[in-house]
């Protein structure tokens, strides 16, 4: 009877160890899947961040270009105004010289 009882105990222990082994495999698979999902989410976050950065850089470049255009237009306007003022002053000086000859 002793050997039958020991065999029964051995079968119980082996069954219990097999059950634990199966659970460990299940947990390992679950952890592996979770790790893969985390890596995928990290990749998606990085991709979204890169797209956001690209959009922001595009907006900054567009704003900078618009600002440069406004600055150029302002410089051109100031140049035209200064030429106009110089022409006006030149005309006044010319008229004063002409008037001074008649006096």
PDB file of N, CA and C in Angstrom:
ATOM      1  N   UNK A   1       0.787  -1.199   0.000  1.00  0.00           N
ATOM      2  CA  UNK A   1       0.000   0.000   0.000  1.00  0.00           C
ATOM      3  C   UNK A   1       0.831   1.265   0.000  1.00  0.00           C
ATOM      4  N   UNK A   2       2.007   1.160   0.585  1.00  0.00           N
ATOM      5  CA  UNK A   2       2.865   2.320   0.677  1.00  0.00           C
ATOM      6  C   UNK A   2       3.251   2.847  -0.679  1.00  0.00           C
ATOM      7  N   UNK A   3       3.548   1.946  -1.601  1.00  0.00           N
ATOM      8  CA  UNK A   3       3.975   2.416  -2.918  1.00  0.00           C
ATOM      9  C   UNK A   3       2.809   3.034  -3.687  1.00  0.00           C
ATOM     10  N   UNK A   4       1.612   2.551  -3.466  1.00  0.00           N
ATOM     11  CA  UNK A   4       0.442   3.128  -4.119  1.00  0.00           C
ATOM     12  C   UNK A   4       0.158   4.527  -3.610  1.00  0.00           C
ATOM     13  N   UNK A   5       0.328   4.698  -2.306  1.00  0.00           N
ATOM     14  CA  UNK A   5       0.110   6.014  -1.706  1.00  0.00           C
ATOM     15  C   UNK A   5       1.162   7.000  -2.182  1.00  0.00           C
ATOM     16  N   UNK A   6       2.410   6.528  -2.243  1.00  0.00           N
ATOM     17  CA  UNK A   6       3.484   7.389  -2.734  1.00  0.00           C
ATOM     18  C   UNK A   6       3.278   7.736  -4.202  1.00  0.00           C
ATOM     19  N   UNK A   7       2.819   6.773  -4.978  1.00  0.00           N
ATOM     20  CA  UNK A   7       2.541   7.029  -6.396  1.00  0.00           C
ATOM     21  C   UNK A   7       1.411   8.047  -6.513  1.00  0.00           C
ATOM     22  N   UNK A   8       0.417   7.909  -5.662  1.00  0.00           N
ATOM     23  CA  UNK A   8      -0.702   8.854  -5.673  1.00  0.00           C
ATOM     24  C   UNK A   8      -0.211  10.257  -5.299  1.00  0.00           C
ATOM     25  N   UNK A   9       0.654  10.336  -4.292  1.00  0.00           N
ATOM     26  CA  UNK A   9       1.226  11.629  -3.892  1.00  0.00           C
ATOM     27  C   UNK A   9       2.075  12.206  -5.021  1.00  0.00           C
ATOM     28  N   UNK A  10       2.882  11.341  -5.645  1.00  0.00           N
ATOM     29  CA  UNK A  10       3.741  11.777  -6.743  1.00  0.00           C
ATOM     30  C   UNK A  10       2.888  12.290  -7.902  1.00  0.00           C
ATOM     31  N   UNK A  11       1.824  11.560  -8.236  1.00  0.00           N
ATOM     32  CA  UNK A  11       0.932  12.002  -9.307  1.00  0.00           C
ATOM     33  C   UNK A  11       0.270  13.327  -8.952  1.00  0.00           C
ATOM     34  N   UNK A  12      -0.091  13.496  -7.677  1.00  0.00           N
ATOM     35  CA  UNK A  12      -0.699  14.758  -7.225  1.00  0.00           C
ATOM     36  C   UNK A  12       0.275  15.912  -7.318  1.00  0.00           C
ATOM     37  N   UNK A  13       1.514  15.660  -6.888  1.00  0.00           N
ATOM     38  CA  UNK A  13       2.537  16.709  -6.955  1.00  0.00           C
ATOM     39  C   UNK A  13       2.866  17.037  -8.407  1.00  0.00           C
ATOM     40  N   UNK A  14       3.012  16.031  -9.255  1.00  0.00           N
ATOM     41  CA  UNK A  14       3.299  16.279 -10.668  1.00  0.00           C
ATOM     42  C   UNK A  14       2.148  17.027 -11.337  1.00  0.00           C
ATOM     43  N   UNK A  15       0.927  16.667 -10.982  1.00  0.00           N
ATOM     44  CA  UNK A  15      -0.236  17.386 -11.515  1.00  0.00           C
ATOM     45  C   UNK A  15      -0.259  18.838 -11.057  1.00  0.00           C
ATOM     46  N   UNK A  16       0.074  19.024  -9.770  1.00  0.00           N
ATOM     47  CA  UNK A  16       0.103  20.365  -9.223  1.00  0.00           C
ATOM     48  C   UNK A  16       1.199  21.186  -9.891  1.00  0.00           C
ATOM     49  N   UNK A  17       2.382  20.594 -10.090  1.00  0.00           N
ATOM     50  CA  UNK A  17       3.484  21.278 -10.764  1.00  0.00           C
ATOM     51  C   UNK A  17       3.124  21.576 -12.226  1.00  0.00           C
ATOM     52  N   UNK A  18       2.463  20.621 -12.882  1.00  0.00           N
ATOM     53  CA  UNK A  18       2.019  20.861 -14.257  1.00  0.00           C
ATOM     54  C   UNK A  18       1.029  22.006 -14.331  1.00  0.00           C
ATOM     55  N   UNK A  19       0.141  22.085 -13.338  1.00  0.00           N
ATOM     56  CA  UNK A  19      -0.835  23.174 -13.287  1.00  0.00           C
ATOM     57  C   UNK A  19      -0.123  24.515 -13.116  1.00  0.00           C
ATOM     58  N   UNK A  20       0.867  24.545 -12.209  1.00  0.00           N
ATOM     59  CA  UNK A  20       1.639  25.776 -12.001  1.00  0.00           C
ATOM     60  C   UNK A  20       2.395  26.135 -13.276  1.00  0.00           C
ATOM     61  N   UNK A  21       2.983  25.143 -13.937  1.00  0.00           N
ATOM     62  CA  UNK A  21       3.717  25.385 -15.174  1.00  0.00           C
ATOM     63  C   UNK A  21       2.795  25.980 -16.236  1.00  0.00           C
ATOM     64  N   UNK A  22       1.578  25.449 -16.336  1.00  0.00           N
ATOM     65  CA  UNK A  22       0.607  25.988 -17.298  1.00  0.00           C
ATOM     66  C   UNK A  22       0.229  27.422 -16.971  1.00  0.00           C
ATOM     67  N   UNK A  23       0.067  27.717 -15.683  1.00  0.00           N
ATOM     68  CA  UNK A  23      -0.265  29.082 -15.285  1.00  0.00           C
ATOM     69  C   UNK A  23       0.887  30.036 -15.559  1.00  0.00           C
ATOM     70  N   UNK A  24       2.106  29.562 -15.327  1.00  0.00           N
ATOM     71  CA  UNK A  24       3.282  30.394 -15.606  1.00  0.00           C
ATOM     72  C   UNK A  24       3.362  30.691 -17.103  1.00  0.00           C
ATOM     73  N   UNK A  25       3.091  29.696 -17.933  1.00  0.00           N
ATOM     74  CA  UNK A  25       3.092  29.921 -19.390  1.00  0.00           C
ATOM     75  C   UNK A  25       2.015  30.923 -19.775  1.00  0.00           C
ATOM     76  N   UNK A  26       0.832  30.786 -19.162  1.00  0.00           N
ATOM     77  CA  UNK A  26      -0.254  31.728 -19.446  1.00  0.00           C
ATOM     78  C   UNK A  26       0.148  33.147 -19.034  1.00  0.00           C
ATOM     79  N   UNK A  27       0.712  33.286 -17.842  1.00  0.00           N
ATOM     80  CA  UNK A  27       1.165  34.603 -17.381  1.00  0.00           C
ATOM     81  C   UNK A  27       2.268  35.151 -18.268  1.00  0.00           C
ATOM     82  N   UNK A  28       3.177  34.291 -18.701  1.00  0.00           N
ATOM     83  CA  UNK A  28       4.257  34.720 -19.595  1.00  0.00           C
ATOM     84  C   UNK A  28       3.683  35.230 -20.913  1.00  0.00           C
ATOM     85  N   UNK A  29       2.698  34.508 -21.461  1.00  0.00           N
ATOM     86  CA  UNK A  29       2.054  34.951 -22.698  1.00  0.00           C
ATOM     87  C   UNK A  29       1.345  36.288 -22.500  1.00  0.00           C
ATOM     88  N   UNK A  30       0.654  36.413 -21.357  1.00  0.00           N
ATOM     89  CA  UNK A  30      -0.057  37.665 -21.079  1.00  0.00           C
ATOM     90  C   UNK A  30       0.926  38.834 -20.966  1.00  0.00           C
ATOM     91  N   UNK A  31       2.029  38.603 -20.263  1.00  0.00           N
ATOM     92  CA  UNK A  31       3.039  39.657 -20.116  1.00  0.00           C
ATOM     93  C   UNK A  31       3.681  40.008 -21.454  1.00  0.00           C
ATOM     94  N   UNK A  32       3.907  39.000 -22.266  1.00  0.00           N
ATOM     95  CA  UNK A  32       4.481  39.238 -23.591  1.00  0.00           C
ATOM     96  C   UNK A  32       3.530  40.083 -24.439  1.00  0.00           C
ATOM     97  N   UNK A  33       2.235  39.748 -24.400  1.00  0.00           N
ATOM     98  CA  UNK A  33       1.236  40.521 -25.145  1.00  0.00           C
ATOM     99  C   UNK A  33       1.139  41.949 -24.610  1.00  0.00           C
ATOM    100  N   UNK A  34       1.163  42.079 -23.294  1.00  0.00           N
ATOM    101  CA  UNK A  34       1.108  43.410 -22.684  1.00  0.00           C
ATOM    102  C   UNK A  34       2.325  44.240 -23.088  1.00  0.00           C
ATOM    103  N   UNK A  35       3.481  43.610 -23.092  1.00  0.00           N
ATOM    104  CA  UNK A  35       4.714  44.302 -23.498  1.00  0.00           C
ATOM    105  C   UNK A  35       4.605  44.763 -24.950  1.00  0.00           C
ATOM    106  N   UNK A  36       4.089  43.894 -25.819  1.00  0.00           N
ATOM    107  CA  UNK A  36       3.929  44.260 -27.234  1.00  0.00           C
ATOM    108  C   UNK A  36       2.951  45.421 -27.378  1.00  0.00           C
ATOM    109  N   UNK A  37       1.858  45.412 -26.610  1.00  0.00           N
ATOM    110  CA  UNK A  37       0.888  46.509 -26.663  1.00  0.00           C
ATOM    111  C   UNK A  37       1.504  47.810 -26.169  1.00  0.00           C
ATOM    112  N   UNK A  38       2.296  47.726 -25.106  1.00  0.00           N
ATOM    113  CA  UNK A  38       2.951  48.928 -24.588  1.00  0.00           C
ATOM    114  C   UNK A  38       3.917  49.507 -25.614  1.00  0.00           C
ATOM    115  N   UNK A  39       4.691  48.633 -26.260  1.00  0.00           N
ATOM    116  CA  UNK A  39       5.618  49.120 -27.284  1.00  0.00           C
ATOM    117  C   UNK A  39       4.862  49.766 -28.439  1.00  0.00           C
ATOM    118  N   UNK A  40       3.730  49.178 -28.810  1.00  0.00           N
ATOM    119  CA  UNK A  40       2.919  49.738 -29.887  1.00  0.00           C
ATOM    120  C   UNK A  40       2.372  51.103 -29.493  1.00  0.00           C
ATOM    121  N   UNK A  41       1.923  51.231 -28.256  1.00  0.00           N
ATOM    122  CA  UNK A  41       1.396  52.519 -27.788  1.00  0.00           C
ATOM    123  C   UNK A  41       2.507  53.573 -27.719  1.00  0.00           C
ATOM    124  N   UNK A  42       3.675  53.156 -27.252  1.00  0.00           N
ATOM    125  CA  UNK A  42       4.810  54.088 -27.203  1.00  0.00           C
ATOM    126  C   UNK A  42       5.161  54.554 -28.613  1.00  0.00           C
ATOM    127  N   UNK A  43       5.157  53.628 -29.549  1.00  0.00           N
ATOM    128  CA  UNK A  43       5.438  53.973 -30.941  1.00  0.00           C
ATOM    129  C   UNK A  43       4.385  54.947 -31.469  1.00  0.00           C
ATOM    130  N   UNK A  44       3.115  54.709 -31.144  1.00  0.00           N
ATOM    131  CA  UNK A  44       2.040  55.590 -31.604  1.00  0.00           C
ATOM    132  C   UNK A  44       2.180  56.977 -30.983  1.00  0.00           C
ATOM    133  N   UNK A  45       2.526  57.036 -29.698  1.00  0.00           N
ATOM    134  CA  UNK A  45       2.722  58.333 -29.037  1.00  0.00           C
ATOM    135  C   UNK A  45       3.872  59.090 -29.691  1.00  0.00           C
ATOM    136  N   UNK A  46       4.968  58.392 -29.959  1.00  0.00           N
ATOM    137  CA  UNK A  46       6.105  59.022 -30.632  1.00  0.00           C
ATOM    138  C   UNK A  46       5.716  59.518 -32.015  1.00  0.00           C
ATOM    139  N   UNK A  47       4.932  58.709 -32.730  1.00  0.00           N
ATOM    140  CA  UNK A  47       4.480  59.098 -34.070  1.00  0.00           C
ATOM    141  C   UNK A  47       3.583  60.325 -33.981  1.00  0.00           C
ATOM    142  N   UNK A  48       2.628  60.326 -33.037  1.00  0.00           N
ATOM    143  CA  UNK A  48       1.738  61.475 -32.860  1.00  0.00           C
ATOM    144  C   UNK A  48       2.519  62.717 -32.471  1.00  0.00           C
ATOM    145  N   UNK A  49       3.523  62.550 -31.599  1.00  0.00           N
ATOM    146  CA  UNK A  49       4.340  63.690 -31.186  1.00  0.00           C
ATOM    147  C   UNK A  49       5.105  64.249 -32.387  1.00  0.00           C
ATOM    148  N   UNK A  50       5.659  63.360 -33.200  1.00  0.00           N
ATOM    149  CA  UNK A  50       6.417  63.808 -34.382  1.00  0.00           C
ATOM    150  C   UNK A  50       5.500  64.543 -35.352  1.00  0.00           C
ATOM    151  N   UNK A  51       4.276  64.022 -35.546  1.00  0.00           N
ATOM    152  CA  UNK A  51       3.327  64.701 -36.432  1.00  0.00           C
ATOM    153  C   UNK A  51       2.943  66.067 -35.872  1.00  0.00           C
ATOM    154  N   UNK A  52       2.728  66.123 -34.556  1.00  0.00           N
ATOM    155  CA  UNK A  52       2.409  67.407 -33.918  1.00  0.00           C
ATOM    156  C   UNK A  52       3.552  68.394 -34.051  1.00  0.00           C
ATOM    157  N   UNK A  53       4.777  67.909 -33.848  1.00  0.00           N
ATOM    158  CA  UNK A  53       5.949  68.777 -34.005  1.00  0.00           C
ATOM    159  C   UNK A  53       6.068  69.285 -35.435  1.00  0.00           C
ATOM    160  N   UNK A  54       5.790  68.398 -36.402  1.00  0.00           N
ATOM    161  CA  UNK A  54       5.882  68.804 -37.812  1.00  0.00           C
ATOM    162  C   UNK A  54       4.830  69.868 -38.128  1.00  0.00           C
ATOM    163  N   UNK A  55       3.609  69.664 -37.605  1.00  0.00           N
ATOM    164  CA  UNK A  55       2.559  70.666 -37.844  1.00  0.00           C
ATOM    165  C   UNK A  55       2.944  71.992 -37.203  1.00  0.00           C
ATOM    166  N   UNK A  56       3.483  71.930 -35.984  1.00  0.00           N
ATOM    167  CA  UNK A  56       3.880  73.150 -35.294  1.00  0.00           C
ATOM    168  C   UNK A  56       5.010  73.857 -36.036  1.00  0.00           C
ATOM    169  N   UNK A  57       5.989  73.086 -36.501  1.00  0.00           N
ATOM    170  CA  UNK A  57       7.084  73.681 -37.268  1.00  0.00           C
ATOM    171  C   UNK A  57       6.566  74.307 -38.557  1.00  0.00           C
ATOM    172  N   UNK A  58       5.582  73.663 -39.186  1.00  0.00           N
ATOM    173  CA  UNK A  58       4.981  74.224 -40.396  1.00  0.00           C
ATOM    174  C   UNK A  58       4.285  75.538 -40.109  1.00  0.00           C
ATOM    175  N   UNK A  59       3.557  75.582 -38.980  1.00  0.00           N
ATOM    176  CA  UNK A  59       2.867  76.819 -38.610  1.00  0.00           C
ATOM    177  C   UNK A  59       3.866  77.922 -38.284  1.00  0.00           C
ATOM    178  N   UNK A  60       4.947  77.543 -37.594  1.00  0.00           N
ATOM    179  CA  UNK A  60       5.975  78.535 -37.264  1.00  0.00           C
ATOM    180  C   UNK A  60       6.627  79.062 -38.538  1.00  0.00           C
ATOM    181  N   UNK A  61       6.926  78.151 -39.472  1.00  0.00           N
ATOM    182  CA  UNK A  61       7.553  78.576 -40.737  1.00  0.00           C
ATOM    183  C   UNK A  61       6.619  79.483 -41.518  1.00  0.00           C
ATOM    184  N   UNK A  62       5.325  79.138 -41.540  1.00  0.00           N
ATOM    185  CA  UNK A  62       4.349  79.968 -42.247  1.00  0.00           C
ATOM    186  C   UNK A  62       4.245  81.340 -41.596  1.00  0.00           C
ATOM    187  N   UNK A  63       4.181  81.358 -40.260  1.00  0.00           N
ATOM    188  CA  UNK A  63       4.112  82.633 -39.543  1.00  0.00           C
ATOM    189  C   UNK A  63       5.362  83.463 -39.766  1.00  0.00           C
ATOM    190  N   UNK A  64       6.520  82.815 -39.752  1.00  0.00           N
ATOM    191  CA  UNK A  64       7.778  83.514 -39.987  1.00  0.00           C
ATOM    192  C   UNK A  64       7.815  84.085 -41.398  1.00  0.00           C
ATOM    193  N   UNK A  65       7.333  83.304 -42.352  1.00  0.00           N
ATOM    194  CA  UNK A  65       7.307  83.775 -43.743  1.00  0.00           C
ATOM    195  C   UNK A  65       6.371  84.969 -43.878  1.00  0.00           C
ATOM    196  N   UNK A  66       5.202  84.899 -43.232  1.00  0.00           N
ATOM    197  CA  UNK A  66       4.269  86.029 -43.283  1.00  0.00           C
ATOM    198  C   UNK A  66       4.881  87.268 -42.642  1.00  0.00           C
ATOM    199  N   UNK A  67       5.579  87.063 -41.509  1.00  0.00           N
ATOM    200  CA  UNK A  67       6.221  88.177 -40.836  1.00  0.00           C
ATOM    201  C   UNK A  67       7.312  88.791 -41.714  1.00  0.00           C
ATOM    202  N   UNK A  68       8.115  87.954 -42.363  1.00  0.00           N
ATOM    203  CA  UNK A  68       9.158  88.463 -43.254  1.00  0.00           C
ATOM    204  C   UNK A  68       8.545  89.245 -44.418  1.00  0.00           C
ATOM    205  N   UNK A  69       7.419  88.750 -44.933  1.00  0.00           N
ATOM    206  CA  UNK A  69       6.735  89.455 -46.017  1.00  0.00           C
ATOM    207  C   UNK A  69       6.254  90.824 -45.537  1.00  0.00           C
ATOM    208  N   UNK A  70       5.674  90.872 -44.332  1.00  0.00           N
ATOM    209  CA  UNK A  70       5.202  92.148 -43.794  1.00  0.00           C
ATOM    210  C   UNK A  70       6.365  93.112 -43.574  1.00  0.00           C
ATOM    211  N   UNK A  71       7.479  92.586 -43.068  1.00  0.00           N
ATOM    212  CA  UNK A  71       8.658  93.435 -42.863  1.00  0.00           C
ATOM    213  C   UNK A  71       9.162  93.986 -44.191  1.00  0.00           C
ATOM    214  N   UNK A  72       9.217  93.125 -45.204  1.00  0.00           N
ATOM    215  CA  UNK A  72       9.672  93.575 -46.534  1.00  0.00           C
ATOM    216  C   UNK A  72       8.732  94.626 -47.098  1.00  0.00           C
ATOM    217  N   UNK A  73       7.426  94.390 -46.947  1.00  0.00           N
ATOM    218  CA  UNK A  73       6.447  95.360 -47.440  1.00  0.00           C
ATOM    219  C   UNK A  73       6.573  96.689 -46.695  1.00  0.00           C
ATOM    220  N   UNK A  74       6.818  96.630 -45.396  1.00  0.00           N
ATOM    221  CA  UNK A  74       6.985  97.854 -44.604  1.00  0.00           C
ATOM    222  C   UNK A  74       8.239  98.600 -45.029  1.00  0.00           C
ATOM    223  N   UNK A  75       9.333  97.867 -45.243  1.00  0.00           N
ATOM    224  CA  UNK A  75      10.571  98.508 -45.710  1.00  0.00           C
ATOM    225  C   UNK A  75      10.357  99.174 -47.056  1.00  0.00           C
ATOM    226  N   UNK A  76       9.650  98.504 -47.964  1.00  0.00           N
ATOM    227  CA  UNK A  76       9.363  99.079 -49.275  1.00  0.00           C
ATOM    228  C   UNK A  76       8.511 100.333 -49.132  1.00  0.00           C
ATOM    229  N   UNK A  77       7.489 100.268 -48.266  1.00  0.00           N
ATOM    230  CA  UNK A  77       6.619 101.415 -48.052  1.00  0.00           C
ATOM    231  C   UNK A  77       7.424 102.589 -47.488  1.00  0.00           C
ATOM    232  N   UNK A  78       8.327 102.298 -46.522  1.00  0.00           N
ATOM    233  CA  UNK A  78       9.154 103.366 -45.952  1.00  0.00           C
ATOM    234  C   UNK A  78      10.094 103.958 -46.995  1.00  0.00           C
ATOM    235  N   UNK A  79      10.644 103.128 -47.875  1.00  0.00           N
ATOM    236  CA  UNK A  79      11.515 103.622 -48.935  1.00  0.00           C
ATOM    237  C   UNK A  79      10.741 104.559 -49.860  1.00  0.00           C
ATOM    238  N   UNK A  80       9.544 104.132 -50.233  1.00  0.00           N
ATOM    239  CA  UNK A  80       8.710 104.970 -51.118  1.00  0.00           C
ATOM    240  C   UNK A  80       8.363 106.279 -50.421  1.00  0.00           C
ATOM    241  N   UNK A  81       8.028 106.228 -49.135  1.00  0.00           N
ATOM    242  CA  UNK A  81       7.688 107.445 -48.397  1.00  0.00           C
ATOM    243  C   UNK A  81       8.893 108.385 -48.286  1.00  0.00           C
ATOM    244  N   UNK A  82      10.087 107.790 -48.058  1.00  0.00           N
ATOM    245  CA  UNK A  82      11.270 108.648 -47.941  1.00  0.00           C
ATOM    246  C   UNK A  82      11.605 109.288 -49.285  1.00  0.00           C
ATOM    247  N   UNK A  83      11.417 108.568 -50.383  1.00  0.00           N
ATOM    248  CA  UNK A  83      11.637 109.140 -51.715  1.00  0.00           C
ATOM    249  C   UNK A  83      10.638 110.264 -51.963  1.00  0.00           C
ATOM    250  N   UNK A  84       9.399 110.032 -51.543  1.00  0.00           N
ATOM    251  CA  UNK A  84       8.367 111.057 -51.713  1.00  0.00           C
ATOM    252  C   UNK A  84       8.706 112.319 -50.911  1.00  0.00           C
ATOM    253  N   UNK A  85       9.170 112.127 -49.676  1.00  0.00           N
ATOM    254  CA  UNK A  85       9.545 113.272 -48.840  1.00  0.00           C
ATOM    255  C   UNK A  85      10.733 114.007 -49.449  1.00  0.00           C
ATOM    256  N   UNK A  86      11.733 113.255 -49.936  1.00  0.00           N
ATOM    257  CA  UNK A  86      12.903 113.890 -50.563  1.00  0.00           C
ATOM    258  C   UNK A  86      12.487 114.660 -51.816  1.00  0.00           C
ATOM    259  N   UNK A  87      11.583 114.083 -52.586  1.00  0.00           N
ATOM    260  CA  UNK A  87      11.124 114.781 -53.795  1.00  0.00           C
ATOM    261  C   UNK A  87      10.386 116.061 -53.421  1.00  0.00           C
ATOM    262  N   UNK A  88       9.590 115.983 -52.379  1.00  0.00           N
ATOM    263  CA  UNK A  88       8.857 117.173 -51.931  1.00  0.00           C
ATOM    264  C   UNK A  88       9.827 118.254 -51.453  1.00  0.00           C
ATOM    265  N   UNK A  89      10.820 117.832 -50.646  1.00  0.00           N
ATOM    266  CA  UNK A  89      11.818 118.798 -50.165  1.00  0.00           C
ATOM    267  C   UNK A  89      12.598 119.379 -51.342  1.00  0.00           C
ATOM    268  N   UNK A  90      12.978 118.511 -52.273  1.00  0.00           N
ATOM    269  CA  UNK A  90      13.694 118.997 -53.467  1.00  0.00           C
ATOM    270  C   UNK A  90      12.849 119.988 -54.250  1.00  0.00           C
ATOM    271  N   UNK A  91      11.563 119.715 -54.382  1.00  0.00           N
ATOM    272  CA  UNK A  91      10.682 120.652 -55.097  1.00  0.00           C
ATOM    273  C   UNK A  91      10.579 121.972 -54.381  1.00  0.00           C
ATOM    274  N   UNK A  92      10.478 121.922 -53.044  1.00  0.00           N
ATOM    275  CA  UNK A  92      10.394 123.170 -52.274  1.00  0.00           C
ATOM    276  C   UNK A  92      11.690 123.965 -52.410  1.00  0.00           C
ATOM    277  N   UNK A  93      12.829 123.308 -52.320  1.00  0.00           N
ATOM    278  CA  UNK A  93      14.122 123.991 -52.469  1.00  0.00           C
ATOM    279  C   UNK A  93      14.223 124.599 -53.867  1.00  0.00           C
ATOM    280  N   UNK A  94      13.814 123.856 -54.874  1.00  0.00           N
ATOM    281  CA  UNK A  94      13.856 124.361 -56.240  1.00  0.00           C
ATOM    282  C   UNK A  94      12.985 125.617 -56.368  1.00  0.00           C
ATOM    283  N   UNK A  95      11.767 125.579 -55.809  1.00  0.00           N
ATOM    284  CA  UNK A  95      10.876 126.744 -55.875  1.00  0.00           C
ATOM    285  C   UNK A  95      11.456 127.929 -55.112  1.00  0.00           C
ATOM    286  N   UNK A  96      12.081 127.662 -53.956  1.00  0.00           N
ATOM    287  CA  UNK A  96      12.676 128.751 -53.180  1.00  0.00           C
ATOM    288  C   UNK A  96      13.842 129.377 -53.954  1.00  0.00           C
ATOM    289  N   UNK A  97      14.634 128.549 -54.636  1.00  0.00           N
ATOM    290  CA  UNK A  97      15.741 129.094 -55.431  1.00  0.00           C
ATOM    291  C   UNK A  97      15.204 129.927 -56.583  1.00  0.00           C
ATOM    292  N   UNK A  98      14.160 129.441 -57.217  1.00  0.00           N
ATOM    293  CA  UNK A  98      13.573 130.197 -58.331  1.00  0.00           C
ATOM    294  C   UNK A  98      12.994 131.525 -57.837  1.00  0.00           C
ATOM    295  N   UNK A  99      12.359 131.477 -56.653  1.00  0.00           N
ATOM    296  CA  UNK A  99      11.781 132.698 -56.092  1.00  0.00           C
ATOM    297  C   UNK A  99      12.878 133.679 -55.670  1.00  0.00           C
ATOM    298  N   UNK A 100      13.987 133.147 -55.141  1.00  0.00           N
ATOM    299  CA  UNK A 100      15.063 134.017 -54.676  1.00  0.00           C
ATOM    300  C   UNK A 100      15.719 134.747 -55.855  1.00  0.00           C
ATOM    301  N   UNK A 101      15.690 134.157 -57.043  1.00  0.00           N
ATOM    302  CA  UNK A 101      16.254 134.821 -58.218  1.00  0.00           C
ATOM    303  C   UNK A 101      15.382 135.998 -58.649  1.00  0.00           C
ATOM    304  N   UNK A 102      14.090 135.892 -58.399  1.00  0.00           N
ATOM    305  CA  UNK A 102      13.173 136.946 -58.804  1.00  0.00           C
ATOM    306  C   UNK A 102      13.129 138.083 -57.805  1.00  0.00           C
ATOM    307  N   UNK A 103      13.640 137.881 -56.626  1.00  0.00           N
ATOM    308  CA  UNK A 103      13.567 138.944 -55.621  1.00  0.00           C
ATOM    309  C   UNK A 103      14.676 139.892 -55.725  1.00  0.00           C
TER     310      UNK A 103
END
